[in-house]
Each structure stands twice: as C-alpha cells, then as structure tokens.
Amino acid sequence: MKFEMSDKVYDILKWVVMIVLPACSALYASLAPVWGWGNVEQITVTLSAIQLFLGSLIGISTSNVKKTKTNQKKA
C-alpha cells in the first residue's frame, strides 16, 4: 500500500509531532503536580504514543515521496 500526503498535511503533522505534542506533554507533566491534576503518567504516555504514531506516518510519507522522485529522475 502506498501512503502519501499533501505538503500542507505533511507540514501540519510535522509541526504537531515536533513542537505541539512534546510541549503539551511537558506542560502537563510540569503543571499536574502543582495543580493536583491526575493521571500524569497515563496522559504523558498517551501523548508520546500519538507522537510516535504520527511521526511514523510522516516517515512513511517522506520515504514514498523520495522513492517517487528517484523513479521519476530515472525515467
């Protein structure tokens, strides 16, 4: 199965994976003890799992685009 995404979706997902999710995880882990919020480990692990999943999709898409460009140059 070939998986590709548009440049706009790629850019948004990359920003979410590299900036938003790690920042949210760190923010929650930092503030939860101060404010008495629960489930710190569950929430930070969930955010990390989502980050890993989306990062994998980005990696697959990037690999497919590179292969397509390489094949187009050869043709």
PDB file of N, CA and C in Angstrom:
ATOM      1  N   MET A   1       0.844  -1.173   0.000  1.00  0.00           N
ATOM      2  CA  MET A   1       0.000   0.000   0.000  1.00  0.00           C
ATOM      3  C   MET A   1       0.891   1.238   0.000  1.00  0.00           C
ATOM      4  N   LYS A   2       0.569   2.162  -0.855  1.00  0.00           N
ATOM      5  CA  LYS A   2       1.335   3.396  -0.951  1.00  0.00           C
ATOM      6  C   LYS A   2       0.621   4.480  -0.151  1.00  0.00           C
ATOM      7  N   PHE A   3       1.374   5.158   0.701  1.00  0.00           N
ATOM      8  CA  PHE A   3       0.801   6.194   1.548  1.00  0.00           C
ATOM      9  C   PHE A   3       1.530   7.499   1.289  1.00  0.00           C
ATOM     10  N   GLU A   4       0.818   8.484   0.770  1.00  0.00           N
ATOM     11  CA  GLU A   4       1.375   9.818   0.570  1.00  0.00           C
ATOM     12  C   GLU A   4       0.380  10.841   1.094  1.00  0.00           C
ATOM     13  N   MET A   5       0.882  11.990   1.452  1.00  0.00           N
ATOM     14  CA  MET A   5       0.003  13.061   1.921  1.00  0.00           C
ATOM     15  C   MET A   5       0.433  14.362   1.248  1.00  0.00           C
ATOM     16  N   SER A   6      -0.485  15.308   1.273  1.00  0.00           N
ATOM     17  CA  SER A   6      -0.185  16.596   0.647  1.00  0.00           C
ATOM     18  C   SER A   6       0.884  17.331   1.460  1.00  0.00           C
ATOM     19  N   ASP A   7       1.512  18.301   0.824  1.00  0.00           N
ATOM     20  CA  ASP A   7       2.545  19.088   1.511  1.00  0.00           C
ATOM     21  C   ASP A   7       1.980  19.813   2.725  1.00  0.00           C
ATOM     22  N   LYS A   8       0.750  20.310   2.607  1.00  0.00           N
ATOM     23  CA  LYS A   8       0.138  21.048   3.714  1.00  0.00           C
ATOM     24  C   LYS A   8      -0.096  20.126   4.913  1.00  0.00           C
ATOM     25  N   VAL A   9      -0.645  18.932   4.660  1.00  0.00           N
ATOM     26  CA  VAL A   9      -0.872  17.973   5.737  1.00  0.00           C
ATOM     27  C   VAL A   9       0.460  17.558   6.354  1.00  0.00           C
ATOM     28  N   TYR A  10       1.456  17.318   5.517  1.00  0.00           N
ATOM     29  CA  TYR A  10       2.792  16.952   5.995  1.00  0.00           C
ATOM     30  C   TYR A  10       3.350  18.036   6.919  1.00  0.00           C
ATOM     31  N   ASP A  11       3.281  19.277   6.486  1.00  0.00           N
ATOM     32  CA  ASP A  11       3.819  20.382   7.288  1.00  0.00           C
ATOM     33  C   ASP A  11       3.096  20.510   8.628  1.00  0.00           C
ATOM     34  N   ILE A  12       1.776  20.362   8.607  1.00  0.00           N
ATOM     35  CA  ILE A  12       1.000  20.461   9.851  1.00  0.00           C
ATOM     36  C   ILE A  12       1.345  19.309  10.790  1.00  0.00           C
ATOM     37  N   LEU A  13       1.365  18.078  10.262  1.00  0.00           N
ATOM     38  CA  LEU A  13       1.698  16.929  11.105  1.00  0.00           C
ATOM     39  C   LEU A  13       3.112  17.027  11.660  1.00  0.00           C
ATOM     40  N   LYS A  14       4.032  17.481  10.840  1.00  0.00           N
ATOM     41  CA  LYS A  14       5.418  17.620  11.301  1.00  0.00           C
ATOM     42  C   LYS A  14       5.492  18.631  12.446  1.00  0.00           C
ATOM     43  N   TRP A  15       4.780  19.737  12.317  1.00  0.00           N
ATOM     44  CA  TRP A  15       4.759  20.750  13.374  1.00  0.00           C
ATOM     45  C   TRP A  15       4.130  20.181  14.649  1.00  0.00           C
ATOM     46  N   VAL A  16       3.036  19.437  14.499  1.00  0.00           N
ATOM     47  CA  VAL A  16       2.367  18.837  15.657  1.00  0.00           C
ATOM     48  C   VAL A  16       3.296  17.838  16.345  1.00  0.00           C
ATOM     49  N   VAL A  17       3.952  16.994  15.557  1.00  0.00           N
ATOM     50  CA  VAL A  17       4.815  15.953  16.115  1.00  0.00           C
ATOM     51  C   VAL A  17       6.071  16.537  16.765  1.00  0.00           C
ATOM     52  N   MET A  18       6.660  17.536  16.135  1.00  0.00           N
ATOM     53  CA  MET A  18       7.937  18.052  16.628  1.00  0.00           C
ATOM     54  C   MET A  18       7.795  19.136  17.691  1.00  0.00           C
ATOM     55  N   ILE A  19       6.675  19.863  17.695  1.00  0.00           N
ATOM     56  CA  ILE A  19       6.532  21.002  18.604  1.00  0.00           C
ATOM     57  C   ILE A  19       5.369  20.821  19.583  1.00  0.00           C
ATOM     58  N   VAL A  20       4.179  20.630  19.052  1.00  0.00           N
ATOM     59  CA  VAL A  20       2.962  20.687  19.870  1.00  0.00           C
ATOM     60  C   VAL A  20       2.876  19.545  20.883  1.00  0.00           C
ATOM     61  N   LEU A  21       2.986  18.302  20.423  1.00  0.00           N
ATOM     62  CA  LEU A  21       2.816  17.175  21.342  1.00  0.00           C
ATOM     63  C   LEU A  21       3.889  17.119  22.432  1.00  0.00           C
ATOM     64  N   PRO A  22       5.166  17.295  22.102  1.00  0.00           N
ATOM     65  CA  PRO A  22       6.154  17.306  23.194  1.00  0.00           C
ATOM     66  C   PRO A  22       5.933  18.470  24.171  1.00  0.00           C
ATOM     67  N   ALA A  23       5.534  19.616  23.644  1.00  0.00           N
ATOM     68  CA  ALA A  23       5.284  20.766  24.519  1.00  0.00           C
ATOM     69  C   ALA A  23       4.088  20.511  25.431  1.00  0.00           C
ATOM     70  N   CYS A  24       3.036  19.928  24.886  1.00  0.00           N
ATOM     71  CA  CYS A  24       1.846  19.614  25.698  1.00  0.00           C
ATOM     72  C   CYS A  24       2.178  18.593  26.780  1.00  0.00           C
ATOM     73  N   SER A  25       2.939  17.592  26.406  1.00  0.00           N
ATOM     74  CA  SER A  25       3.330  16.563  27.364  1.00  0.00           C
ATOM     75  C   SER A  25       4.166  17.155  28.496  1.00  0.00           C
ATOM     76  N   ALA A  26       5.138  17.965  28.140  1.00  0.00           N
ATOM     77  CA  ALA A  26       5.990  18.590  29.160  1.00  0.00           C
ATOM     78  C   ALA A  26       5.195  19.560  30.033  1.00  0.00           C
ATOM     79  N   LEU A  27       4.305  20.309  29.415  1.00  0.00           N
ATOM     80  CA  LEU A  27       3.480  21.250  30.178  1.00  0.00           C
ATOM     81  C   LEU A  27       2.601  20.517  31.185  1.00  0.00           C
ATOM     82  N   TYR A  28       1.942  19.454  30.726  1.00  0.00           N
ATOM     83  CA  TYR A  28       1.064  18.709  31.637  1.00  0.00           C
ATOM     84  C   TYR A  28       1.870  18.049  32.750  1.00  0.00           C
ATOM     85  N   ALA A  29       3.001  17.435  32.392  1.00  0.00           N
ATOM     86  CA  ALA A  29       3.828  16.774  33.402  1.00  0.00           C
ATOM     87  C   ALA A  29       4.358  17.769  34.435  1.00  0.00           C
ATOM     88  N   SER A  30       4.604  18.993  33.998  1.00  0.00           N
ATOM     89  CA  SER A  30       5.114  20.020  34.914  1.00  0.00           C
ATOM     90  C   SER A  30       4.035  20.608  35.806  1.00  0.00           C
ATOM     91  N   LEU A  31       2.867  20.856  35.242  1.00  0.00           N
ATOM     92  CA  LEU A  31       1.810  21.529  35.991  1.00  0.00           C
ATOM     93  C   LEU A  31       0.924  20.592  36.812  1.00  0.00           C
ATOM     94  N   ALA A  32       0.834  19.335  36.420  1.00  0.00           N
ATOM     95  CA  ALA A  32      -0.066  18.403  37.107  1.00  0.00           C
ATOM     96  C   ALA A  32       0.209  18.292  38.605  1.00  0.00           C
ATOM     97  N   PRO A  33       1.460  18.128  39.014  1.00  0.00           N
ATOM     98  CA  PRO A  33       1.688  18.035  40.462  1.00  0.00           C
ATOM     99  C   PRO A  33       1.369  19.335  41.209  1.00  0.00           C
ATOM    100  N   VAL A  34       1.603  20.444  40.558  1.00  0.00           N
ATOM    101  CA  VAL A  34       1.366  21.740  41.196  1.00  0.00           C
ATOM    102  C   VAL A  34      -0.129  21.978  41.420  1.00  0.00           C
ATOM    103  N   TRP A  35      -0.936  21.601  40.429  1.00  0.00           N
ATOM    104  CA  TRP A  35      -2.369  21.867  40.474  1.00  0.00           C
ATOM    105  C   TRP A  35      -3.193  20.657  40.906  1.00  0.00           C
ATOM    106  N   GLY A  36      -2.546  19.558  41.196  1.00  0.00           N
ATOM    107  CA  GLY A  36      -3.261  18.383  41.664  1.00  0.00           C
ATOM    108  C   GLY A  36      -4.024  17.649  40.562  1.00  0.00           C
ATOM    109  N   TRP A  37      -3.564  17.789  39.336  1.00  0.00           N
ATOM    110  CA  TRP A  37      -4.200  17.071  38.237  1.00  0.00           C
ATOM    111  C   TRP A  37      -3.746  15.617  38.288  1.00  0.00           C
ATOM    112  N   GLY A  38      -4.634  14.724  37.913  1.00  0.00           N
ATOM    113  CA  GLY A  38      -4.325  13.300  37.987  1.00  0.00           C
ATOM    114  C   GLY A  38      -3.849  12.714  36.670  1.00  0.00           C
ATOM    115  N   ASN A  39      -3.560  11.431  36.745  1.00  0.00           N
ATOM    116  CA  ASN A  39      -3.225  10.626  35.570  1.00  0.00           C
ATOM    117  C   ASN A  39      -2.032  11.165  34.775  1.00  0.00           C
ATOM    118  N   VAL A  40      -1.031  11.655  35.456  1.00  0.00           N
ATOM    119  CA  VAL A  40       0.117  12.255  34.771  1.00  0.00           C
ATOM    120  C   VAL A  40       0.795  11.238  33.859  1.00  0.00           C
ATOM    121  N   GLU A  41       1.091  10.065  34.384  1.00  0.00           N
ATOM    122  CA  GLU A  41       1.788   9.063  33.581  1.00  0.00           C
ATOM    123  C   GLU A  41       0.942   8.619  32.387  1.00  0.00           C
ATOM    124  N   GLN A  42      -0.337   8.375  32.605  1.00  0.00           N
ATOM    125  CA  GLN A  42      -1.202   7.923  31.521  1.00  0.00           C
ATOM    126  C   GLN A  42      -1.306   8.960  30.405  1.00  0.00           C
ATOM    127  N   ILE A  43      -1.430  10.209  30.778  1.00  0.00           N
ATOM    128  CA  ILE A  43      -1.585  11.268  29.775  1.00  0.00           C
ATOM    129  C   ILE A  43      -0.282  11.499  29.014  1.00  0.00           C
ATOM    130  N   THR A  44       0.840  11.545  29.713  1.00  0.00           N
ATOM    131  CA  THR A  44       2.104  11.782  29.015  1.00  0.00           C
ATOM    132  C   THR A  44       2.484  10.597  28.127  1.00  0.00           C
ATOM    133  N   VAL A  45       2.188   9.377  28.573  1.00  0.00           N
ATOM    134  CA  VAL A  45       2.463   8.207  27.732  1.00  0.00           C
ATOM    135  C   VAL A  45       1.546   8.212  26.508  1.00  0.00           C
ATOM    136  N   THR A  46       0.299   8.587  26.683  1.00  0.00           N
ATOM    137  CA  THR A  46      -0.637   8.670  25.558  1.00  0.00           C
ATOM    138  C   THR A  46      -0.168   9.692  24.533  1.00  0.00           C
ATOM    139  N   LEU A  47       0.241  10.852  24.999  1.00  0.00           N
ATOM    140  CA  LEU A  47       0.751  11.873  24.083  1.00  0.00           C
ATOM    141  C   LEU A  47       2.005  11.383  23.347  1.00  0.00           C
ATOM    142  N   SER A  48       2.862  10.665  24.042  1.00  0.00           N
ATOM    143  CA  SER A  48       4.065  10.115  23.399  1.00  0.00           C
ATOM    144  C   SER A  48       3.704   9.068  22.354  1.00  0.00           C
ATOM    145  N   ALA A  49       2.701   8.243  22.638  1.00  0.00           N
ATOM    146  CA  ALA A  49       2.271   7.223  21.670  1.00  0.00           C
ATOM    147  C   ALA A  49       1.683   7.874  20.417  1.00  0.00           C
ATOM    148  N   ILE A  50       0.901   8.918  20.609  1.00  0.00           N
ATOM    149  CA  ILE A  50       0.337   9.646  19.468  1.00  0.00           C
ATOM    150  C   ILE A  50       1.462  10.280  18.656  1.00  0.00           C
ATOM    151  N   GLN A  51       2.429  10.848  19.342  1.00  0.00           N
ATOM    152  CA  GLN A  51       3.576  11.460  18.671  1.00  0.00           C
ATOM    153  C   GLN A  51       4.339  10.420  17.851  1.00  0.00           C
ATOM    154  N   LEU A  52       4.563   9.246  18.414  1.00  0.00           N
ATOM    155  CA  LEU A  52       5.263   8.179  17.701  1.00  0.00           C
ATOM    156  C   LEU A  52       4.473   7.729  16.473  1.00  0.00           C
ATOM    157  N   PHE A  53       3.166   7.559  16.618  1.00  0.00           N
ATOM    158  CA  PHE A  53       2.322   7.129  15.507  1.00  0.00           C
ATOM    159  C   PHE A  53       2.357   8.145  14.364  1.00  0.00           C
ATOM    160  N   LEU A  54       2.143   9.412  14.690  1.00  0.00           N
ATOM    161  CA  LEU A  54       2.148  10.440  13.651  1.00  0.00           C
ATOM    162  C   LEU A  54       3.535  10.593  13.025  1.00  0.00           C
ATOM    163  N   GLY A  55       4.576  10.480  13.831  1.00  0.00           N
ATOM    164  CA  GLY A  55       5.933  10.535  13.300  1.00  0.00           C
ATOM    165  C   GLY A  55       6.199   9.399  12.317  1.00  0.00           C
ATOM    166  N   SER A  56       5.649   8.229  12.599  1.00  0.00           N
ATOM    167  CA  SER A  56       5.790   7.094  11.683  1.00  0.00           C
ATOM    168  C   SER A  56       5.095   7.376  10.358  1.00  0.00           C
ATOM    169  N   LEU A  57       3.899   7.963  10.419  1.00  0.00           N
ATOM    170  CA  LEU A  57       3.188   8.314   9.190  1.00  0.00           C
ATOM    171  C   LEU A  57       3.988   9.318   8.365  1.00  0.00           C
ATOM    172  N   ILE A  58       4.577  10.272   9.037  1.00  0.00           N
ATOM    173  CA  ILE A  58       5.398  11.268   8.340  1.00  0.00           C
ATOM    174  C   ILE A  58       6.600  10.583   7.689  1.00  0.00           C
ATOM    175  N   GLY A  59       7.238   9.685   8.415  1.00  0.00           N
ATOM    176  CA  GLY A  59       8.391   8.975   7.879  1.00  0.00           C
ATOM    177  C   GLY A  59       8.040   8.127   6.669  1.00  0.00           C
ATOM    178  N   ILE A  60       6.905   7.443   6.719  1.00  0.00           N
ATOM    179  CA  ILE A  60       6.457   6.632   5.585  1.00  0.00           C
ATOM    180  C   ILE A  60       6.180   7.514   4.387  1.00  0.00           C
ATOM    181  N   SER A  61       5.485   8.609   4.607  1.00  0.00           N
ATOM    182  CA  SER A  61       5.160   9.516   3.513  1.00  0.00           C
ATOM    183  C   SER A  61       6.417  10.096   2.889  1.00  0.00           C
ATOM    184  N   THR A  62       7.368  10.496   3.707  1.00  0.00           N
ATOM    185  CA  THR A  62       8.629  11.056   3.211  1.00  0.00           C
ATOM    186  C   THR A  62       9.380  10.019   2.374  1.00  0.00           C
ATOM    187  N   SER A  63       9.407   8.800   2.855  1.00  0.00           N
ATOM    188  CA  SER A  63      10.081   7.726   2.122  1.00  0.00           C
ATOM    189  C   SER A  63       9.421   7.497   0.765  1.00  0.00           C
ATOM    190  N   ASN A  64       8.094   7.493   0.729  1.00  0.00           N
ATOM    191  CA  ASN A  64       7.375   7.290  -0.536  1.00  0.00           C
ATOM    192  C   ASN A  64       7.630   8.425  -1.521  1.00  0.00           C
ATOM    193  N   VAL A  65       7.669   9.640  -1.033  1.00  0.00           N
ATOM    194  CA  VAL A  65       7.914  10.784  -1.904  1.00  0.00           C
ATOM    195  C   VAL A  65       9.326  10.712  -2.479  1.00  0.00           C
ATOM    196  N   LYS A  66      10.303  10.361  -1.649  1.00  0.00           N
ATOM    197  CA  LYS A  66      11.679  10.248  -2.122  1.00  0.00           C
ATOM    198  C   LYS A  66      11.811   9.157  -3.187  1.00  0.00           C
ATOM    199  N   LYS A  67      11.138   8.015  -2.974  1.00  0.00           N
ATOM    200  CA  LYS A  67      11.178   6.930  -3.949  1.00  0.00           C
ATOM    201  C   LYS A  67      10.546   7.370  -5.268  1.00  0.00           C
ATOM    202  N   THR A  68       9.423   8.080  -5.174  1.00  0.00           N
ATOM    203  CA  THR A  68       8.733   8.552  -6.377  1.00  0.00           C
ATOM    204  C   THR A  68       9.624   9.516  -7.156  1.00  0.00           C
ATOM    205  N   LYS A  69      10.260  10.450  -6.452  1.00  0.00           N
ATOM    206  CA  LYS A  69      11.137  11.416  -7.106  1.00  0.00           C
ATOM    207  C   LYS A  69      12.348  10.736  -7.741  1.00  0.00           C
ATOM    208  N   THR A  70      12.902   9.730  -7.055  1.00  0.00           N
ATOM    209  CA  THR A  70      14.044   8.987  -7.593  1.00  0.00           C
ATOM    210  C   THR A  70      13.635   8.238  -8.863  1.00  0.00           C
ATOM    211  N   ASN A  71      12.468   7.607  -8.840  1.00  0.00           N
ATOM    212  CA  ASN A  71      11.984   6.870 -10.020  1.00  0.00           C
ATOM    213  C   ASN A  71      11.680   7.807 -11.179  1.00  0.00           C
ATOM    214  N   GLN A  72      11.196   9.011 -10.890  1.00  0.00           N
ATOM    215  CA  GLN A  72      10.908   9.979 -11.950  1.00  0.00           C
ATOM    216  C   GLN A  72      12.197  10.471 -12.604  1.00  0.00           C
ATOM    217  N   LYS A  73      13.257  10.619 -11.814  1.00  0.00           N
ATOM    218  CA  LYS A  73      14.542  11.073 -12.362  1.00  0.00           C
ATOM    219  C   LYS A  73      15.147  10.011 -13.258  1.00  0.00           C
ATOM    220  N   LYS A  74      14.947   8.739 -12.923  1.00  0.00           N
ATOM    221  CA  LYS A  74      15.497   7.639 -13.704  1.00  0.00           C
ATOM    222  C   LYS A  74      14.768   7.468 -15.039  1.00  0.00           C
ATOM    223  N   ALA A  75      13.505   7.832 -15.058  1.00  0.00           N
ATOM    224  CA  ALA A  75      12.697   7.632 -16.277  1.00  0.00           C
ATOM    225  C   ALA A  75      12.960   8.672 -17.323  1.00  0.00           C
TER     226      ALA A  75
END
